[in-house]
C-alpha atoms as a PDB file:
ATOM      1  CA  MET A   1      -0.004   0.002  -0.002  1.00  0.00           C
ATOM      2  CA  THR A   2       1.274   3.449  -0.871  1.00  0.00           C
ATOM      3  CA  ASP A   3       2.441   5.526   2.087  1.00  0.00           C
ATOM      4  CA  HIS A   4       0.523   8.787   1.575  1.00  0.00           C
ATOM      5  CA  THR A   5       2.069  10.268   4.714  1.00  0.00           C
ATOM      6  CA  LYS A   6       5.416  10.633   2.985  1.00  0.00           C
ATOM      7  CA  LYS A   7       6.031  14.211   1.921  1.00  0.00           C
ATOM      8  CA  LEU A   8       8.162  15.682  -0.775  1.00  0.00           C
ATOM      9  CA  PRO A   9      11.341  17.333   0.513  1.00  0.00           C
ATOM     10  CA  GLN A  10      10.986  21.044   1.044  1.00  0.00           C
ATOM     11  CA  ALA A  11      11.979  23.053  -1.992  1.00  0.00           C
ATOM     12  CA  GLY A  12      14.419  25.136   0.035  1.00  0.00           C
ATOM     13  CA  CYS A  13      16.819  27.778  -1.185  1.00  0.00           C
ATOM     14  CA  SER A  14      19.989  26.564  -2.786  1.00  0.00           C
ATOM     15  CA  PRO A  15      23.089  27.783  -0.876  1.00  0.00           C
ATOM     16  CA  PHE A  16      24.541  28.814  -4.229  1.00  0.00           C
ATOM     17  CA  THR A  17      21.906  31.453  -4.935  1.00  0.00           C
ATOM     18  CA  ASN A  18      23.824  34.709  -4.823  1.00  0.00           C
ATOM     19  CA  GLY A  19      22.619  36.713  -7.809  1.00  0.00           C
ATOM     20  CA  THR A  20      25.432  35.840 -10.222  1.00  0.00           C
ATOM     21  CA  THR A  21      24.938  35.551 -13.945  1.00  0.00           C
ATOM     22  CA  ALA A  22      25.046  31.784 -13.602  1.00  0.00           C
ATOM     23  CA  ASP A  23      22.298  31.921 -10.976  1.00  0.00           C
ATOM     24  CA  VAL A  24      20.111  34.103 -13.190  1.00  0.00           C
ATOM     25  CA  ALA A  25      20.475  31.617 -16.017  1.00  0.00           C
ATOM     26  CA  LYS A  26      19.753  28.743 -13.642  1.00  0.00           C
ATOM     27  CA  GLU A  27      16.652  30.496 -12.325  1.00  0.00           C
ATOM     28  CA  LYS A  28      15.358  30.976 -15.870  1.00  0.00           C
ATOM     29  CA  GLU A  29      16.006  27.310 -16.617  1.00  0.00           C
ATOM     30  CA  GLN A  30      14.190  26.185 -13.468  1.00  0.00           C
ATOM     31  CA  LYS A  31      11.192  28.376 -14.189  1.00  0.00           C
ATOM     32  CA  GLU A  32      10.926  26.927 -17.682  1.00  0.00           C
ATOM     33  CA  GLU A  33      11.100  23.441 -16.142  1.00  0.00           C
ATOM     34  CA  VAL A  34       8.306  24.321 -13.706  1.00  0.00           C
ATOM     35  CA  VAL A  35       6.088  25.459 -16.587  1.00  0.00           C
ATOM     36  CA  ARG A  36       6.709  22.077 -18.248  1.00  0.00           C
ATOM     37  CA  LEU A  37       5.875  20.264 -15.016  1.00  0.00           C
ATOM     38  CA  GLY A  38       2.674  22.293 -14.655  1.00  0.00           C
ATOM     39  CA  VAL A  39       1.626  21.329 -18.166  1.00  0.00           C
ATOM     40  CA  GLU A  40       2.363  17.637 -17.468  1.00  0.00           C
ATOM     41  CA  LEU A  41       0.408  17.639 -14.216  1.00  0.00           C
ATOM     42  CA  SER A  42      -2.499  19.370 -15.940  1.00  0.00           C
ATOM     43  CA  LEU A  43      -2.483  16.793 -18.719  1.00  0.00           C
ATOM     44  CA  PHE A  44      -2.814  14.023 -16.122  1.00  0.00           C
ATOM     45  CA  MET A  45      -5.745  15.891 -14.546  1.00  0.00           C
ATOM     46  CA  ALA A  46      -7.375  16.280 -17.965  1.00  0.00           C
ATOM     47  CA  GLU A  47      -6.812  12.604 -18.761  1.00  0.00           C
ATOM     48  CA  ALA A  48      -8.388  11.623 -15.437  1.00  0.00           C
ATOM     49  CA  MET A  49     -11.462  13.688 -16.357  1.00  0.00           C
ATOM     50  CA  PHE A  50     -11.826  11.810 -19.638  1.00  0.00           C
ATOM     51  CA  ILE A  51     -11.368   8.432 -17.942  1.00  0.00           C
ATOM     52  CA  LEU A  52     -14.230   9.244 -15.564  1.00  0.00           C
ATOM     53  CA  SER A  53     -16.377  11.066 -18.090  1.00  0.00           C
ATOM     54  CA  ASP A  54     -18.833   8.195 -18.549  1.00  0.00           C
ATOM     55  CA  ASP A  55     -20.408   9.673 -15.428  1.00  0.00           C
ATOM     56  CA  ARG A  56     -20.129  13.399 -14.769  1.00  0.00           C
ATOM     57  CA  ARG A  57     -20.851  13.066 -11.064  1.00  0.00           C
ATOM     58  CA  CYS A  58     -17.806  10.793 -10.553  1.00  0.00           C
ATOM     59  CA  MET A  59     -15.660  13.063 -12.723  1.00  0.00           C
ATOM     60  CA  THR A  60     -16.681  16.180 -10.836  1.00  0.00           C
ATOM     61  CA  HIS A  61     -16.265  14.574  -7.420  1.00  0.00           C
ATOM     62  CA  PHE A  62     -12.784  13.341  -8.350  1.00  0.00           C
ATOM     63  CA  CYS A  63     -11.589  16.792  -9.445  1.00  0.00           C
ATOM     64  CA  PHE A  64     -13.118  18.699  -6.565  1.00  0.00           C
ATOM     65  CA  TRP A  65     -11.935  16.185  -3.960  1.00  0.00           C
ATOM     66  CA  ILE A  66      -8.356  16.552  -5.194  1.00  0.00           C
ATOM     67  CA  LEU A  67      -8.352  20.345  -5.390  1.00  0.00           C
ATOM     68  CA  PHE A  68     -10.020  20.830  -2.008  1.00  0.00           C
ATOM     69  CA  LYS A  69      -7.761  18.252  -0.343  1.00  0.00           C
ATOM     70  CA  THR A  70      -4.714  20.376  -1.146  1.00  0.00           C
ATOM     71  CA  LYS A  71      -6.048  22.881   1.408  1.00  0.00           C
ATOM     72  CA  MET A  72      -4.590  25.684  -0.672  1.00  0.00           C
ATOM     73  CA  ASP A  73      -6.020  28.948  -1.969  1.00  0.00           C
ATOM     74  CA  ARG A  74      -8.049  28.185  -5.095  1.00  0.00           C
ATOM     75  CA  ARG A  75      -6.728  31.474  -6.535  1.00  0.00           C
ATOM     76  CA  GLY A  76      -3.091  30.469  -5.990  1.00  0.00           C
ATOM     77  CA  PRO A  77      -0.719  30.119  -8.964  1.00  0.00           C
ATOM     78  CA  VAL A  78      -0.865  26.325  -9.119  1.00  0.00           C
ATOM     79  CA  VAL A  79      -4.288  25.385  -7.720  1.00  0.00           C
ATOM     80  CA  GLY A  80      -5.929  28.312  -9.528  1.00  0.00           C
ATOM     81  CA  ARG A  81      -4.568  27.091 -12.842  1.00  0.00           C
ATOM     82  CA  LEU A  82      -5.746  23.547 -12.189  1.00  0.00           C
ATOM     83  CA  TRP A  83      -9.232  24.852 -11.382  1.00  0.00           C
ATOM     84  CA  ARG A  84      -9.126  26.664 -14.699  1.00  0.00           C
ATOM     85  CA  VAL A  85      -7.939  23.506 -16.478  1.00  0.00           C
ATOM     86  CA  THR A  86     -10.923  21.529 -15.206  1.00  0.00           C
ATOM     87  CA  GLN A  87     -13.273  24.282 -16.389  1.00  0.00           C
ATOM     88  CA  GLN A  88     -11.818  24.625 -19.855  1.00  0.00           C
ATOM     89  CA  VAL A  89     -11.438  20.902 -20.490  1.00  0.00           C
ATOM     90  CA  PHE A  90     -15.020  20.328 -19.388  1.00  0.00           C
ATOM     91  CA  ALA A  91     -16.458  23.210 -21.429  1.00  0.00           C
ATOM     92  CA  THR A  92     -14.416  22.597 -24.560  1.00  0.00           C
ATOM     93  CA  TYR A  93     -14.138  18.818 -24.824  1.00  0.00           C
ATOM     94  CA  ILE A  94     -16.493  17.010 -22.460  1.00  0.00           C
ATOM     95  CA  ARG A  95     -19.718  19.027 -22.210  1.00  0.00           C
ATOM     96  CA  PRO A  96     -20.467  19.011 -25.976  1.00  0.00           C
ATOM     97  CA  LYS A  97     -20.599  15.197 -26.088  1.00  0.00           C
ATOM     98  CA  ASN A  98     -24.023  14.801 -24.533  1.00  0.00           C
ATOM     99  CA  ARG A  99     -24.570  11.442 -26.205  1.00  0.00           C
ATOM    100  CA  VAL A 100     -21.774   9.983 -24.062  1.00  0.00           C
ATOM    101  CA  TYR A 101     -21.782  11.790 -20.750  1.00  0.00           C
ATOM    102  CA  ILE A 102     -24.524  11.383 -18.159  1.00  0.00           C
ATOM    103  CA  ASP A 103     -25.382  12.467 -14.635  1.00  0.00           C
ATOM    104  CA  GLY A 104     -25.910   9.876 -11.945  1.00  0.00           C
ATOM    105  CA  GLY A 105     -24.868   6.247 -11.876  1.00  0.00           C
ATOM    106  CA  LYS A 106     -21.248   5.295 -11.324  1.00  0.00           C
ATOM    107  CA  SER A 107     -18.220   5.469 -13.563  1.00  0.00           C
ATOM    108  CA  SER A 108     -16.805   2.057 -14.450  1.00  0.00           C
ATOM    109  CA  GLN A 109     -13.352   3.425 -13.565  1.00  0.00           C
ATOM    110  CA  SER A 110     -14.193   5.164 -10.280  1.00  0.00           C
ATOM    111  CA  GLN A 111     -12.831   2.427  -8.019  1.00  0.00           C
ATOM    112  CA  LEU A 112      -9.458   2.380  -9.776  1.00  0.00           C
ATOM    113  CA  MET A 113      -9.088   6.159  -9.823  1.00  0.00           C
ATOM    114  CA  ARG A 114      -9.901   6.373  -6.125  1.00  0.00           C
ATOM    115  CA  THR A 115      -6.820   4.261  -5.296  1.00  0.00           C
ATOM    116  CA  PHE A 116      -4.380   6.973  -6.354  1.00  0.00           C
ATOM    117  CA  GLN A 117      -6.254  10.267  -6.082  1.00  0.00           C
ATOM    118  CA  GLN A 118      -4.066  11.141  -3.058  1.00  0.00           C
ATOM    119  CA  ASP A 119      -1.064  11.000  -5.416  1.00  0.00           C
ATOM    120  CA  PHE A 120      -2.604  13.916  -7.328  1.00  0.00           C
ATOM    121  CA  VAL A 121      -2.904  15.878  -4.080  1.00  0.00           C
ATOM    122  CA  SER A 122       0.774  15.251  -3.246  1.00  0.00           C
ATOM    123  CA  ALA A 123       1.854  16.292  -6.755  1.00  0.00           C
ATOM    124  CA  ILE A 124      -0.111  19.553  -6.580  1.00  0.00           C
ATOM    125  CA  ARG A 125       1.327  20.433  -3.179  1.00  0.00           C
ATOM    126  CA  GLY A 126       4.849  19.591  -4.354  1.00  0.00           C
ATOM    127  CA  LEU A 127       4.578  21.845  -7.398  1.00  0.00           C
ATOM    128  CA  ALA A 128       3.128  24.653  -5.288  1.00  0.00           C
ATOM    129  CA  HIS A 129       6.158  24.445  -2.951  1.00  0.00           C
ATOM    130  CA  ILE A 130       8.557  24.613  -5.883  1.00  0.00           C
ATOM    131  CA  VAL A 131       6.759  27.623  -7.342  1.00  0.00           C
ATOM    132  CA  SER A 132       6.737  29.485  -4.016  1.00  0.00           C
ATOM    133  CA  THR A 133      10.498  28.934  -3.654  1.00  0.00           C
ATOM    134  CA  LEU A 134      11.205  30.427  -7.074  1.00  0.00           C
ATOM    135  CA  GLU A 135       8.807  33.283  -6.450  1.00  0.00           C
ATOM    136  CA  ILE A 136      10.859  34.477  -3.459  1.00  0.00           C
ATOM    137  CA  GLY A 137      14.014  34.523  -5.571  1.00  0.00           C
ATOM    138  CA  CYS A 138      15.624  31.228  -4.525  1.00  0.00           C
ATOM    139  CA  LEU A 139      16.824  28.315  -6.611  1.00  0.00           C
ATOM    140  CA  VAL A 140      15.304  24.885  -6.052  1.00  0.00           C
ATOM    141  CA  LYS A 141      17.586  22.012  -5.119  1.00  0.00           C
ATOM    142  CA  PRO A 142      18.075  19.517  -7.980  1.00  0.00           C
ATOM    143  CA  SER A 143      17.015  16.650  -5.709  1.00  0.00           C
ATOM    144  CA  VAL A 144      13.585  18.259  -5.357  1.00  0.00           C
ATOM    145  CA  PHE A 145      13.080  18.288  -9.116  1.00  0.00           C
ATOM    146  CA  GLU A 146      14.292  14.682  -9.321  1.00  0.00           C
ATOM    147  CA  GLN A 147      11.802  13.519  -6.732  1.00  0.00           C
ATOM    148  CA  TYR A 148       8.999  15.558  -8.249  1.00  0.00           C
ATOM    149  CA  ASN A 149       9.567  13.961 -11.634  1.00  0.00           C
ATOM    150  CA  GLN A 150       9.238  10.596  -9.865  1.00  0.00           C
ATOM    151  CA  GLU A 151       5.861  11.780  -8.503  1.00  0.00           C
ATOM    152  CA  LEU A 152       4.691  12.553 -12.038  1.00  0.00           C
ATOM    153  CA  LYS A 153       6.062   9.256 -13.314  1.00  0.00           C
ATOM    154  CA  LYS A 154       3.963   7.502 -10.658  1.00  0.00           C
ATOM    155  CA  LEU A 155       0.839   9.275 -11.902  1.00  0.00           C
ATOM    156  CA  GLU A 156       1.675   8.291 -15.485  1.00  0.00           C
ATOM    157  CA  GLU A 157       2.097   4.658 -14.491  1.00  0.00           C
ATOM    158  CA  ASN A 158      -1.215   4.690 -12.610  1.00  0.00           C
ATOM    159  CA  LEU A 159      -3.068   6.081 -15.635  1.00  0.00           C
ATOM    160  CA  ARG A 160      -1.395   3.852 -18.204  1.00  0.00           C
ATOM    161  CA  PRO A 161      -3.677   0.786 -17.745  1.00  0.00           C
ATOM    162  CA  VAL A 162      -6.731   2.882 -18.639  1.00  0.00           C
ATOM    163  CA  LYS A 163      -5.181   5.047 -21.347  1.00  0.00           C
ATOM    164  CA  HIS A 164      -7.370   3.256 -23.912  1.00  0.00           C
ATOM    165  CA  VAL A 165     -10.408   4.510 -21.998  1.00  0.00           C
ATOM    166  CA  SER A 166      -9.361   8.156 -22.078  1.00  0.00           C
ATOM    167  CA  GLU A 167      -8.502   7.944 -25.769  1.00  0.00           C
ATOM    168  CA  ALA A 168     -11.818   6.236 -26.582  1.00  0.00           C
ATOM    169  CA  ASN A 169     -13.615   9.046 -24.729  1.00  0.00           C
ATOM    170  CA  GLY A 170     -11.861  11.694 -26.846  1.00  0.00           C
ATOM    171  CA  PHE A 171      -8.750  12.661 -24.883  1.00  0.00           C
ATOM    172  CA  ALA A 172      -6.573  14.643 -27.312  1.00  0.00           C
ATOM    173  CA  ARG A 173      -3.282  15.355 -25.575  1.00  0.00           C
ATOM    174  CA  GLU A 174      -1.725  17.578 -28.234  1.00  0.00           C
ATOM    175  CA  ALA A 175      -4.817  19.760 -28.724  1.00  0.00           C
ATOM    176  CA  ILE A 176      -5.410  20.260 -25.010  1.00  0.00           C
ATOM    177  CA  GLU A 177      -1.738  21.069 -24.439  1.00  0.00           C
ATOM    178  CA  SER A 178      -1.505  23.680 -27.194  1.00  0.00           C
ATOM    179  CA  GLU A 179      -4.967  25.248 -26.900  1.00  0.00           C
ATOM    180  CA  ILE A 180      -5.395  25.326 -23.109  1.00  0.00           C
ATOM    181  CA  LEU A 181      -2.367  24.404 -21.045  1.00  0.00           C
ATOM    182  CA  LEU A 182       0.611  26.167 -22.643  1.00  0.00           C
ATOM    183  CA  PRO A 183      -1.065  29.627 -22.688  1.00  0.00           C
ATOM    184  CA  LEU A 184      -2.187  29.124 -19.092  1.00  0.00           C
ATOM    185  CA  TRP A 185       1.134  27.972 -17.634  1.00  0.00           C
ATOM    186  CA  LYS A 186       3.422  30.269 -19.622  1.00  0.00           C
ATOM    187  CA  SER A 187       2.137  33.190 -17.545  1.00  0.00           C
ATOM    188  CA  LEU A 188       3.093  31.477 -14.253  1.00  0.00           C
ATOM    189  CA  PHE A 189       6.049  33.757 -13.488  1.00  0.00           C
ATOM    190  CA  ASP A 190       4.846  36.767 -15.467  1.00  0.00           C
ATOM    191  CA  THR A 191       5.118  39.821 -13.214  1.00  0.00           C
ATOM    192  CA  THR A 192       2.900  41.978 -15.442  1.00  0.00           C
ATOM    193  CA  SER A 193       0.085  43.550 -13.475  1.00  0.00           C
ATOM    194  CA  GLY A 194      -2.926  41.258 -13.425  1.00  0.00           C
ATOM    195  CA  SER A 195      -1.212  38.361 -15.193  1.00  0.00           C
ATOM    196  CA  GLN A 196      -1.434  36.147 -12.107  1.00  0.00           C
ATOM    197  CA  VAL A 197      -5.185  36.569 -11.688  1.00  0.00           C
ATOM    198  CA  ILE A 198      -6.837  33.326 -12.751  1.00  0.00           C
ATOM    199  CA  LYS A 199     -10.419  34.097 -13.695  1.00  0.00           C
ATOM    200  CA  LEU A 200     -12.949  31.307 -13.225  1.00  0.00           C
ATOM    201  CA  ASP A 201     -16.138  31.231 -15.259  1.00  0.00           C
ATOM    202  CA  LYS A 202     -19.046  31.111 -12.778  1.00  0.00           C
ATOM    203  CA  THR A 203     -21.463  29.734 -15.346  1.00  0.00           C
ATOM    204  CA  ILE A 204     -19.192  26.816 -16.225  1.00  0.00           C
ATOM    205  CA  THR A 205     -18.519  26.222 -12.533  1.00  0.00           C
ATOM    206  CA  ARG A 206     -22.220  25.973 -11.754  1.00  0.00           C
ATOM    207  CA  GLU A 207     -22.764  23.522 -14.574  1.00  0.00           C
ATOM    208  CA  LEU A 208     -19.708  21.494 -13.621  1.00  0.00           C
ATOM    209  CA  VAL A 209     -20.800  21.112  -9.990  1.00  0.00           C
ATOM    210  CA  ARG A 210     -24.475  20.509 -10.806  1.00  0.00           C
ATOM    211  CA  PRO A 211     -24.265  16.710 -10.242  1.00  0.00           C
ATOM    212  CA  LEU A 212     -22.867  17.317  -6.754  1.00  0.00           C
ATOM    213  CA  LEU A 213     -25.540  19.896  -5.994  1.00  0.00           C
ATOM    214  CA  ASN A 214     -28.145  17.392  -7.101  1.00  0.00           C
ATOM    215  CA  ASP A 215     -26.704  14.900  -4.641  1.00  0.00           C
ATOM    216  CA  VAL A 216     -26.967  17.435  -1.841  1.00  0.00           C
ATOM    217  CA  LYS A 217     -30.615  18.170  -2.701  1.00  0.00           C
ATOM    218  CA  LYS A 218     -31.439  14.446  -2.792  1.00  0.00           C
ATOM    219  CA  GLU A 219     -29.776  13.912   0.579  1.00  0.00           C
ATOM    220  CA  ILE A 220     -31.760  16.771   2.085  1.00  0.00           C
ATOM    221  CA  CYS A 221     -34.989  15.330   0.687  1.00  0.00           C
ATOM    222  CA  ARG A 222     -34.155  11.877   2.097  1.00  0.00           C
ATOM    223  CA  SER A 223     -33.431  13.402   5.497  1.00  0.00           C
ATOM    224  CA  LEU A 224     -36.718  15.309   5.503  1.00  0.00           C
ATOM    225  CA  ALA A 225     -38.638  12.233   4.418  1.00  0.00           C
ATOM    226  CA  SER A 226     -37.168  10.210   7.257  1.00  0.00           C
ATOM    227  CA  LEU A 227     -38.390  12.637   9.906  1.00  0.00           C
ATOM    228  CA  VAL A 228     -41.258  11.396  12.028  1.00  0.00           C
ATOM    229  CA  ILE A 229     -43.812  14.181  12.306  1.00  0.00           C
ATOM    230  CA  LYS A 230     -45.793  13.720  15.499  1.00  0.00           C
ATOM    231  CA  PRO A 231     -49.361  15.014  15.638  1.00  0.00           C
ATOM    232  CA  PRO A 232     -49.904  17.977  17.931  1.00  0.00           C
ATOM    233  CA  CYS A 233     -50.938  17.175  21.491  1.00  0.00           C
ATOM    234  CA  LYS A 234     -54.641  17.580  22.251  1.00  0.00           C
END
């Protein structure tokens, strides 16, 4: 069984960060690497959505469970972008295929995906730590990048057995990467005013969470129906 209590090493400042030309070049290289890692992580999130898209409730629950479990600001540079990824992938690729995607029931892949959803949480937290280190002007230790790449490799291995499912459901890696992910992640370290504000579409959010809201309403109705209403005393 995977030990989910194990944490990634802290992405602390490198002792060699002293503002030299070499450090500036290294910082640029590391930031470019982080953008690549953000795109890769987002692709795994998108692929998971397609794997679970035979039932929108399961897909929505999976994404929201992961993003809430990080316990990070949904407007933060990493989590905010992943929220945006779920919105855009849903609106652009999943929502239009009404003949395939339903509300209610249970995805045939939900049990499998549940076994490693915590790995997504760990990967998101790890990337957020790396980003915060670079944002304060420090270099990230090479060992942190090495271990983080292992975290992504683990996600890739977990998804590999059901890759045929995501592809059958319309997962288009190259299109999603070029049309959604690259523009979103390339602005990660952009210091231009307002460039870090990740805007979420409220209309898409409401539609995306509708299956979960329906569950809440049903649970409330069941609870009310189970109440024993006693007649008033005479």
